[in-house]
Amino acid sequence: MKFFKKVDEHSRLMGTMSEKVGVDWADVLIEHPEMAKQYRNAVMTCTHCKDVGDCKGWLAEHESAPEAPEYCLNRDLLGKLAEG
């Protein structure tokens, strides 16, 4: 059960980070359903983050941002998606 809790927590973190940088995964997946695998991979990548505390603090401090922080393992992907 511990694994599923971790995945659930990182799914929330990744979703919140996405929103902060202007990425709406629902819109992305409606327009590009083939990206569902990338979404799942992004959540799983997030589970390997060593900066969860920093991430939670960053998310609490930012209403929005032009890009994810440098330590975000999904920064490049989110940047590409935010650009359109």
PDB file of N, CA and C in Angstrom:
ATOM      1  N   MET A   1       0.810  -1.209   0.000  1.00  0.00           N
ATOM      2  CA  MET A   1       0.000   0.000   0.000  1.00  0.00           C
ATOM      3  C   MET A   1       0.850   1.268   0.000  1.00  0.00           C
ATOM      4  N   LYS A   2       2.046   1.173   0.559  1.00  0.00           N
ATOM      5  CA  LYS A   2       2.919   2.334   0.630  1.00  0.00           C
ATOM      6  C   LYS A   2       3.224   2.883  -0.769  1.00  0.00           C
ATOM      7  N   PHE A   3       3.438   1.999  -1.727  1.00  0.00           N
ATOM      8  CA  PHE A   3       3.723   2.406  -3.101  1.00  0.00           C
ATOM      9  C   PHE A   3       2.586   3.242  -3.670  1.00  0.00           C
ATOM     10  N   PHE A   4       1.338   2.801  -3.475  1.00  0.00           N
ATOM     11  CA  PHE A   4       0.192   3.517  -4.025  1.00  0.00           C
ATOM     12  C   PHE A   4       0.007   4.876  -3.370  1.00  0.00           C
ATOM     13  N   LYS A   5       0.326   4.986  -2.091  1.00  0.00           N
ATOM     14  CA  LYS A   5       0.265   6.285  -1.418  1.00  0.00           C
ATOM     15  C   LYS A   5       1.283   7.241  -2.029  1.00  0.00           C
ATOM     16  N   LYS A   6       2.477   6.723  -2.304  1.00  0.00           N
ATOM     17  CA  LYS A   6       3.530   7.546  -2.898  1.00  0.00           C
ATOM     18  C   LYS A   6       3.114   8.013  -4.292  1.00  0.00           C
ATOM     19  N   VAL A   7       2.588   7.112  -5.096  1.00  0.00           N
ATOM     20  CA  VAL A   7       2.154   7.480  -6.441  1.00  0.00           C
ATOM     21  C   VAL A   7       1.032   8.511  -6.365  1.00  0.00           C
ATOM     22  N   ASP A   8       0.108   8.331  -5.455  1.00  0.00           N
ATOM     23  CA  ASP A   8      -0.994   9.277  -5.293  1.00  0.00           C
ATOM     24  C   ASP A   8      -0.471  10.658  -4.893  1.00  0.00           C
ATOM     25  N   GLU A   9       0.463  10.706  -3.944  1.00  0.00           N
ATOM     26  CA  GLU A   9       1.032  11.988  -3.515  1.00  0.00           C
ATOM     27  C   GLU A   9       1.744  12.681  -4.671  1.00  0.00           C
ATOM     28  N   HIS A  10       2.521  11.935  -5.423  1.00  0.00           N
ATOM     29  CA  HIS A  10       3.278  12.546  -6.519  1.00  0.00           C
ATOM     30  C   HIS A  10       2.384  12.891  -7.703  1.00  0.00           C
ATOM     31  N   SER A  11       1.297  12.193  -7.856  1.00  0.00           N
ATOM     32  CA  SER A  11       0.320  12.574  -8.868  1.00  0.00           C
ATOM     33  C   SER A  11      -0.252  13.949  -8.535  1.00  0.00           C
ATOM     34  N   ARG A  12      -0.551  14.173  -7.268  1.00  0.00           N
ATOM     35  CA  ARG A  12      -1.049  15.489  -6.838  1.00  0.00           C
ATOM     36  C   ARG A  12       0.020  16.563  -7.023  1.00  0.00           C
ATOM     37  N   LEU A  13       1.255  16.256  -6.622  1.00  0.00           N
ATOM     38  CA  LEU A  13       2.334  17.236  -6.765  1.00  0.00           C
ATOM     39  C   LEU A  13       2.568  17.583  -8.234  1.00  0.00           C
ATOM     40  N   MET A  14       2.622  16.575  -9.070  1.00  0.00           N
ATOM     41  CA  MET A  14       2.861  16.805 -10.491  1.00  0.00           C
ATOM     42  C   MET A  14       1.705  17.583 -11.109  1.00  0.00           C
ATOM     43  N   GLY A  15       0.485  17.251 -10.707  1.00  0.00           N
ATOM     44  CA  GLY A  15      -0.681  17.974 -11.215  1.00  0.00           C
ATOM     45  C   GLY A  15      -0.671  19.434 -10.796  1.00  0.00           C
ATOM     46  N   THR A  16      -0.314  19.680  -9.551  1.00  0.00           N
ATOM     47  CA  THR A  16      -0.254  21.059  -9.063  1.00  0.00           C
ATOM     48  C   THR A  16       0.863  21.825  -9.750  1.00  0.00           C
ATOM     49  N   MET A  17       2.026  21.207  -9.894  1.00  0.00           N
ATOM     50  CA  MET A  17       3.144  21.849 -10.584  1.00  0.00           C
ATOM     51  C   MET A  17       2.738  22.181 -12.013  1.00  0.00           C
ATOM     52  N   SER A  18       2.067  21.264 -12.663  1.00  0.00           N
ATOM     53  CA  SER A  18       1.609  21.491 -14.037  1.00  0.00           C
ATOM     54  C   SER A  18       0.711  22.715 -14.105  1.00  0.00           C
ATOM     55  N   GLU A  19      -0.248  22.795 -13.203  1.00  0.00           N
ATOM     56  CA  GLU A  19      -1.167  23.934 -13.177  1.00  0.00           C
ATOM     57  C   GLU A  19      -0.418  25.243 -12.969  1.00  0.00           C
ATOM     58  N   LYS A  20       0.553  25.245 -12.065  1.00  0.00           N
ATOM     59  CA  LYS A  20       1.294  26.471 -11.741  1.00  0.00           C
ATOM     60  C   LYS A  20       2.044  27.014 -12.950  1.00  0.00           C
ATOM     61  N   VAL A  21       2.490  26.121 -13.833  1.00  0.00           N
ATOM     62  CA  VAL A  21       3.243  26.569 -15.010  1.00  0.00           C
ATOM     63  C   VAL A  21       2.372  26.636 -16.273  1.00  0.00           C
ATOM     64  N   GLY A  22       1.073  26.475 -16.102  1.00  0.00           N
ATOM     65  CA  GLY A  22       0.145  26.676 -17.209  1.00  0.00           C
ATOM     66  C   GLY A  22      -0.146  25.461 -18.063  1.00  0.00           C
ATOM     67  N   VAL A  23       0.071  24.280 -17.519  1.00  0.00           N
ATOM     68  CA  VAL A  23      -0.214  23.053 -18.275  1.00  0.00           C
ATOM     69  C   VAL A  23      -1.472  22.404 -17.696  1.00  0.00           C
ATOM     70  N   ASP A  24      -2.469  22.234 -18.533  1.00  0.00           N
ATOM     71  CA  ASP A  24      -3.704  21.554 -18.141  1.00  0.00           C
ATOM     72  C   ASP A  24      -3.699  20.185 -18.805  1.00  0.00           C
ATOM     73  N   TRP A  25      -3.386  19.159 -18.016  1.00  0.00           N
ATOM     74  CA  TRP A  25      -3.271  17.815 -18.577  1.00  0.00           C
ATOM     75  C   TRP A  25      -4.579  17.330 -19.186  1.00  0.00           C
ATOM     76  N   ALA A  26      -5.707  17.758 -18.658  1.00  0.00           N
ATOM     77  CA  ALA A  26      -6.980  17.343 -19.255  1.00  0.00           C
ATOM     78  C   ALA A  26      -7.060  17.836 -20.695  1.00  0.00           C
ATOM     79  N   ASP A  27      -6.703  19.089 -20.911  1.00  0.00           N
ATOM     80  CA  ASP A  27      -6.702  19.636 -22.275  1.00  0.00           C
ATOM     81  C   ASP A  27      -5.678  18.933 -23.156  1.00  0.00           C
ATOM     82  N   VAL A  28      -4.495  18.701 -22.610  1.00  0.00           N
ATOM     83  CA  VAL A  28      -3.442  18.029 -23.367  1.00  0.00           C
ATOM     84  C   VAL A  28      -3.923  16.656 -23.823  1.00  0.00           C
ATOM     85  N   LEU A  29      -4.526  15.910 -22.905  1.00  0.00           N
ATOM     86  CA  LEU A  29      -4.943  14.541 -23.222  1.00  0.00           C
ATOM     87  C   LEU A  29      -6.163  14.485 -24.135  1.00  0.00           C
ATOM     88  N   ILE A  30      -7.002  15.497 -24.070  1.00  0.00           N
ATOM     89  CA  ILE A  30      -8.134  15.558 -25.004  1.00  0.00           C
ATOM     90  C   ILE A  30      -7.615  15.803 -26.413  1.00  0.00           C
ATOM     91  N   GLU A  31      -6.664  16.729 -26.527  1.00  0.00           N
ATOM     92  CA  GLU A  31      -6.115  17.067 -27.836  1.00  0.00           C
ATOM     93  C   GLU A  31      -5.139  16.005 -28.355  1.00  0.00           C
ATOM     94  N   HIS A  32      -4.399  15.385 -27.411  1.00  0.00           N
ATOM     95  CA  HIS A  32      -3.382  14.402 -27.781  1.00  0.00           C
ATOM     96  C   HIS A  32      -3.487  13.163 -26.881  1.00  0.00           C
ATOM     97  N   PRO A  33      -4.480  12.314 -27.099  1.00  0.00           N
ATOM     98  CA  PRO A  33      -4.668  11.151 -26.237  1.00  0.00           C
ATOM     99  C   PRO A  33      -3.444  10.228 -26.176  1.00  0.00           C
ATOM    100  N   GLU A  34      -2.613  10.276 -27.202  1.00  0.00           N
ATOM    101  CA  GLU A  34      -1.415   9.444 -27.221  1.00  0.00           C
ATOM    102  C   GLU A  34      -0.408   9.858 -26.143  1.00  0.00           C
ATOM    103  N   MET A  35      -0.628  11.010 -25.508  1.00  0.00           N
ATOM    104  CA  MET A  35       0.282  11.480 -24.455  1.00  0.00           C
ATOM    105  C   MET A  35      -0.064  10.920 -23.079  1.00  0.00           C
ATOM    106  N   ALA A  36      -1.057  10.061 -23.001  1.00  0.00           N
ATOM    107  CA  ALA A  36      -1.419   9.457 -21.715  1.00  0.00           C
ATOM    108  C   ALA A  36      -0.230   8.723 -21.102  1.00  0.00           C
ATOM    109  N   LYS A  37       0.556   8.063 -21.943  1.00  0.00           N
ATOM    110  CA  LYS A  37       1.739   7.351 -21.455  1.00  0.00           C
ATOM    111  C   LYS A  37       2.761   8.345 -20.888  1.00  0.00           C
ATOM    112  N   GLN A  38       2.921   9.495 -21.533  1.00  0.00           N
ATOM    113  CA  GLN A  38       3.845  10.510 -21.030  1.00  0.00           C
ATOM    114  C   GLN A  38       3.374  11.062 -19.687  1.00  0.00           C
ATOM    115  N   TYR A  39       2.056  11.211 -19.541  1.00  0.00           N
ATOM    116  CA  TYR A  39       1.527  11.674 -18.258  1.00  0.00           C
ATOM    117  C   TYR A  39       1.872  10.662 -17.159  1.00  0.00           C
ATOM    118  N   ARG A  40       1.614   9.406 -17.435  1.00  0.00           N
ATOM    119  CA  ARG A  40       1.924   8.357 -16.452  1.00  0.00           C
ATOM    120  C   ARG A  40       3.417   8.338 -16.150  1.00  0.00           C
ATOM    121  N   ASN A  41       4.221   8.451 -17.176  1.00  0.00           N
ATOM    122  CA  ASN A  41       5.670   8.477 -16.971  1.00  0.00           C
ATOM    123  C   ASN A  41       6.103   9.689 -16.150  1.00  0.00           C
ATOM    124  N   ALA A  42       5.460  10.821 -16.361  1.00  0.00           N
ATOM    125  CA  ALA A  42       5.794  12.031 -15.597  1.00  0.00           C
ATOM    126  C   ALA A  42       5.478  11.836 -14.115  1.00  0.00           C
ATOM    127  N   VAL A  43       4.356  11.216 -13.819  1.00  0.00           N
ATOM    128  CA  VAL A  43       4.014  10.927 -12.421  1.00  0.00           C
ATOM    129  C   VAL A  43       5.045   9.977 -11.821  1.00  0.00           C
ATOM    130  N   MET A  44       5.401   8.946 -12.566  1.00  0.00           N
ATOM    131  CA  MET A  44       6.386   7.990 -12.052  1.00  0.00           C
ATOM    132  C   MET A  44       7.756   8.647 -11.898  1.00  0.00           C
ATOM    133  N   THR A  45       8.125   9.530 -12.808  1.00  0.00           N
ATOM    134  CA  THR A  45       9.377  10.271 -12.679  1.00  0.00           C
ATOM    135  C   THR A  45       9.350  11.104 -11.406  1.00  0.00           C
ATOM    136  N   CYS A  46       8.239  11.730 -11.139  1.00  0.00           N
ATOM    137  CA  CYS A  46       8.092  12.556  -9.939  1.00  0.00           C
ATOM    138  C   CYS A  46       8.323  11.740  -8.661  1.00  0.00           C
ATOM    139  N   THR A  47       7.979  10.473  -8.677  1.00  0.00           N
ATOM    140  CA  THR A  47       8.170   9.644  -7.479  1.00  0.00           C
ATOM    141  C   THR A  47       9.639   9.474  -7.123  1.00  0.00           C
ATOM    142  N   HIS A  48      10.537   9.781  -8.057  1.00  0.00           N
ATOM    143  CA  HIS A  48      11.976   9.660  -7.809  1.00  0.00           C
ATOM    144  C   HIS A  48      12.597  10.965  -7.303  1.00  0.00           C
ATOM    145  N   CYS A  49      11.777  11.990  -7.136  1.00  0.00           N
ATOM    146  CA  CYS A  49      12.262  13.298  -6.711  1.00  0.00           C
ATOM    147  C   CYS A  49      12.868  13.230  -5.308  1.00  0.00           C
ATOM    148  N   LYS A  50      14.009  13.885  -5.159  1.00  0.00           N
ATOM    149  CA  LYS A  50      14.686  13.964  -3.856  1.00  0.00           C
ATOM    150  C   LYS A  50      14.417  15.308  -3.181  1.00  0.00           C
ATOM    151  N   ASP A  51      13.602  16.160  -3.818  1.00  0.00           N
ATOM    152  CA  ASP A  51      13.340  17.506  -3.306  1.00  0.00           C
ATOM    153  C   ASP A  51      11.856  17.734  -3.008  1.00  0.00           C
ATOM    154  N   VAL A  52      11.200  16.736  -2.474  1.00  0.00           N
ATOM    155  CA  VAL A  52       9.759  16.830  -2.239  1.00  0.00           C
ATOM    156  C   VAL A  52       9.419  17.978  -1.291  1.00  0.00           C
ATOM    157  N   GLY A  53      10.197  18.143  -0.234  1.00  0.00           N
ATOM    158  CA  GLY A  53       9.944  19.241   0.702  1.00  0.00           C
ATOM    159  C   GLY A  53      10.081  20.597   0.031  1.00  0.00           C
ATOM    160  N   ASP A  54      11.139  20.759  -0.762  1.00  0.00           N
ATOM    161  CA  ASP A  54      11.325  22.012  -1.508  1.00  0.00           C
ATOM    162  C   ASP A  54      10.183  22.223  -2.483  1.00  0.00           C
ATOM    163  N   CYS A  55       9.771  21.158  -3.132  1.00  0.00           N
ATOM    164  CA  CYS A  55       8.673  21.233  -4.102  1.00  0.00           C
ATOM    165  C   CYS A  55       7.387  21.706  -3.424  1.00  0.00           C
ATOM    166  N   LYS A  56       7.062  21.102  -2.305  1.00  0.00           N
ATOM    167  CA  LYS A  56       5.841  21.500  -1.592  1.00  0.00           C
ATOM    168  C   LYS A  56       5.911  22.965  -1.180  1.00  0.00           C
ATOM    169  N   GLY A  57       7.092  23.398  -0.727  1.00  0.00           N
ATOM    170  CA  GLY A  57       7.264  24.805  -0.361  1.00  0.00           C
ATOM    171  C   GLY A  57       7.117  25.715  -1.563  1.00  0.00           C
ATOM    172  N   TRP A  58       7.733  25.332  -2.680  1.00  0.00           N
ATOM    173  CA  TRP A  58       7.646  26.124  -3.904  1.00  0.00           C
ATOM    174  C   TRP A  58       6.198  26.235  -4.365  1.00  0.00           C
ATOM    175  N   LEU A  59       5.490  25.127  -4.344  1.00  0.00           N
ATOM    176  CA  LEU A  59       4.087  25.126  -4.774  1.00  0.00           C
ATOM    177  C   LEU A  59       3.239  26.030  -3.884  1.00  0.00           C
ATOM    178  N   ALA A  60       3.520  26.040  -2.588  1.00  0.00           N
ATOM    179  CA  ALA A  60       2.767  26.876  -1.649  1.00  0.00           C
ATOM    180  C   ALA A  60       3.053  28.367  -1.862  1.00  0.00           C
ATOM    181  N   GLU A  61       4.248  28.667  -2.319  1.00  0.00           N
ATOM    182  CA  GLU A  61       4.663  30.063  -2.480  1.00  0.00           C
ATOM    183  C   GLU A  61       4.308  30.676  -3.826  1.00  0.00           C
ATOM    184  N   HIS A  62       3.966  29.868  -4.806  1.00  0.00           N
ATOM    185  CA  HIS A  62       3.722  30.374  -6.158  1.00  0.00           C
ATOM    186  C   HIS A  62       2.281  30.142  -6.599  1.00  0.00           C
ATOM    187  N   GLU A  63       1.646  31.219  -6.974  1.00  0.00           N
ATOM    188  CA  GLU A  63       0.304  31.129  -7.560  1.00  0.00           C
ATOM    189  C   GLU A  63       0.423  30.621  -8.996  1.00  0.00           C
ATOM    190  N   SER A  64       1.448  31.135  -9.666  1.00  0.00           N
ATOM    191  CA  SER A  64       1.780  30.689 -11.018  1.00  0.00           C
ATOM    192  C   SER A  64       3.256  31.002 -11.237  1.00  0.00           C
ATOM    193  N   ALA A  65       3.811  30.441 -12.287  1.00  0.00           N
ATOM    194  CA  ALA A  65       5.224  30.662 -12.587  1.00  0.00           C
ATOM    195  C   ALA A  65       5.455  30.398 -14.073  1.00  0.00           C
ATOM    196  N   PRO A  66       6.466  31.039 -14.646  1.00  0.00           N
ATOM    197  CA  PRO A  66       6.743  30.807 -16.066  1.00  0.00           C
ATOM    198  C   PRO A  66       7.346  29.431 -16.344  1.00  0.00           C
ATOM    199  N   GLU A  67       7.944  28.816 -15.320  1.00  0.00           N
ATOM    200  CA  GLU A  67       8.520  27.485 -15.479  1.00  0.00           C
ATOM    201  C   GLU A  67       8.663  26.808 -14.122  1.00  0.00           C
ATOM    202  N   ALA A  68       8.819  25.511 -14.156  1.00  0.00           N
ATOM    203  CA  ALA A  68       9.024  24.730 -12.936  1.00  0.00           C
ATOM    204  C   ALA A  68      10.430  25.012 -12.401  1.00  0.00           C
ATOM    205  N   PRO A  69      10.652  24.798 -11.112  1.00  0.00           N
ATOM    206  CA  PRO A  69      11.990  25.012 -10.564  1.00  0.00           C
ATOM    207  C   PRO A  69      13.005  24.049 -11.188  1.00  0.00           C
ATOM    208  N   GLU A  70      14.269  24.426 -11.118  1.00  0.00           N
ATOM    209  CA  GLU A  70      15.324  23.644 -11.771  1.00  0.00           C
ATOM    210  C   GLU A  70      15.401  22.204 -11.288  1.00  0.00           C
ATOM    211  N   TYR A  71      15.059  21.942 -10.031  1.00  0.00           N
ATOM    212  CA  TYR A  71      15.160  20.581  -9.499  1.00  0.00           C
ATOM    213  C   TYR A  71      14.012  19.676  -9.928  1.00  0.00           C
ATOM    214  N   CYS A  72      12.993  20.241 -10.567  1.00  0.00           N
ATOM    215  CA  CYS A  72      11.841  19.439 -10.987  1.00  0.00           C
ATOM    216  C   CYS A  72      12.265  18.477 -12.094  1.00  0.00           C
ATOM    217  N   LEU A  73      12.059  17.211 -11.870  1.00  0.00           N
ATOM    218  CA  LEU A  73      12.450  16.188 -12.841  1.00  0.00           C
ATOM    219  C   LEU A  73      11.607  16.229 -14.118  1.00  0.00           C
ATOM    220  N   ASN A  74      10.478  16.917 -14.059  1.00  0.00           N
ATOM    221  CA  ASN A  74       9.600  17.040 -15.231  1.00  0.00           C
ATOM    222  C   ASN A  74       9.657  18.441 -15.842  1.00  0.00           C
ATOM    223  N   ARG A  75      10.650  19.210 -15.463  1.00  0.00           N
ATOM    224  CA  ARG A  75      10.743  20.600 -15.911  1.00  0.00           C
ATOM    225  C   ARG A  75      10.740  20.728 -17.438  1.00  0.00           C
ATOM    226  N   ASP A  76      11.548  19.947 -18.118  1.00  0.00           N
ATOM    227  CA  ASP A  76      11.628  20.043 -19.583  1.00  0.00           C
ATOM    228  C   ASP A  76      10.297  19.703 -20.245  1.00  0.00           C
ATOM    229  N   LEU A  77       9.682  18.620 -19.800  1.00  0.00           N
ATOM    230  CA  LEU A  77       8.392  18.218 -20.360  1.00  0.00           C
ATOM    231  C   LEU A  77       7.341  19.308 -20.135  1.00  0.00           C
ATOM    232  N   LEU A  78       7.269  19.810 -18.900  1.00  0.00           N
ATOM    233  CA  LEU A  78       6.275  20.854 -18.600  1.00  0.00           C
ATOM    234  C   LEU A  78       6.553  22.119 -19.400  1.00  0.00           C
ATOM    235  N   GLY A  79       7.825  22.437 -19.581  1.00  0.00           N
ATOM    236  CA  GLY A  79       8.168  23.611 -20.381  1.00  0.00           C
ATOM    237  C   GLY A  79       7.706  23.475 -21.819  1.00  0.00           C
ATOM    238  N   LYS A  80       7.916  22.310 -22.400  1.00  0.00           N
ATOM    239  CA  LYS A  80       7.482  22.069 -23.779  1.00  0.00           C
ATOM    240  C   LYS A  80       5.964  22.144 -23.904  1.00  0.00           C
ATOM    241  N   LEU A  81       5.269  21.556 -22.933  1.00  0.00           N
ATOM    242  CA  LEU A  81       3.801  21.573 -22.975  1.00  0.00           C
ATOM    243  C   LEU A  81       3.246  22.980 -22.761  1.00  0.00           C
ATOM    244  N   ALA A  82       3.886  23.749 -21.894  1.00  0.00           N
ATOM    245  CA  ALA A  82       3.424  25.110 -21.629  1.00  0.00           C
ATOM    246  C   ALA A  82       3.599  26.006 -22.853  1.00  0.00           C
ATOM    247  N   GLU A  83       4.631  25.731 -23.647  1.00  0.00           N
ATOM    248  CA  GLU A  83       4.866  26.500 -24.862  1.00  0.00           C
ATOM    249  C   GLU A  83       3.820  26.232 -25.928  1.00  0.00           C
ATOM    250  N   GLY A  84       3.207  25.063 -25.838  1.00  0.00           N
ATOM    251  CA  GLY A  84       2.168  24.736 -26.807  1.00  0.00           C
ATOM    252  C   GLY A  84       2.651  23.897 -27.860  1.00  0.00           C
TER     253      GLY A  84
END
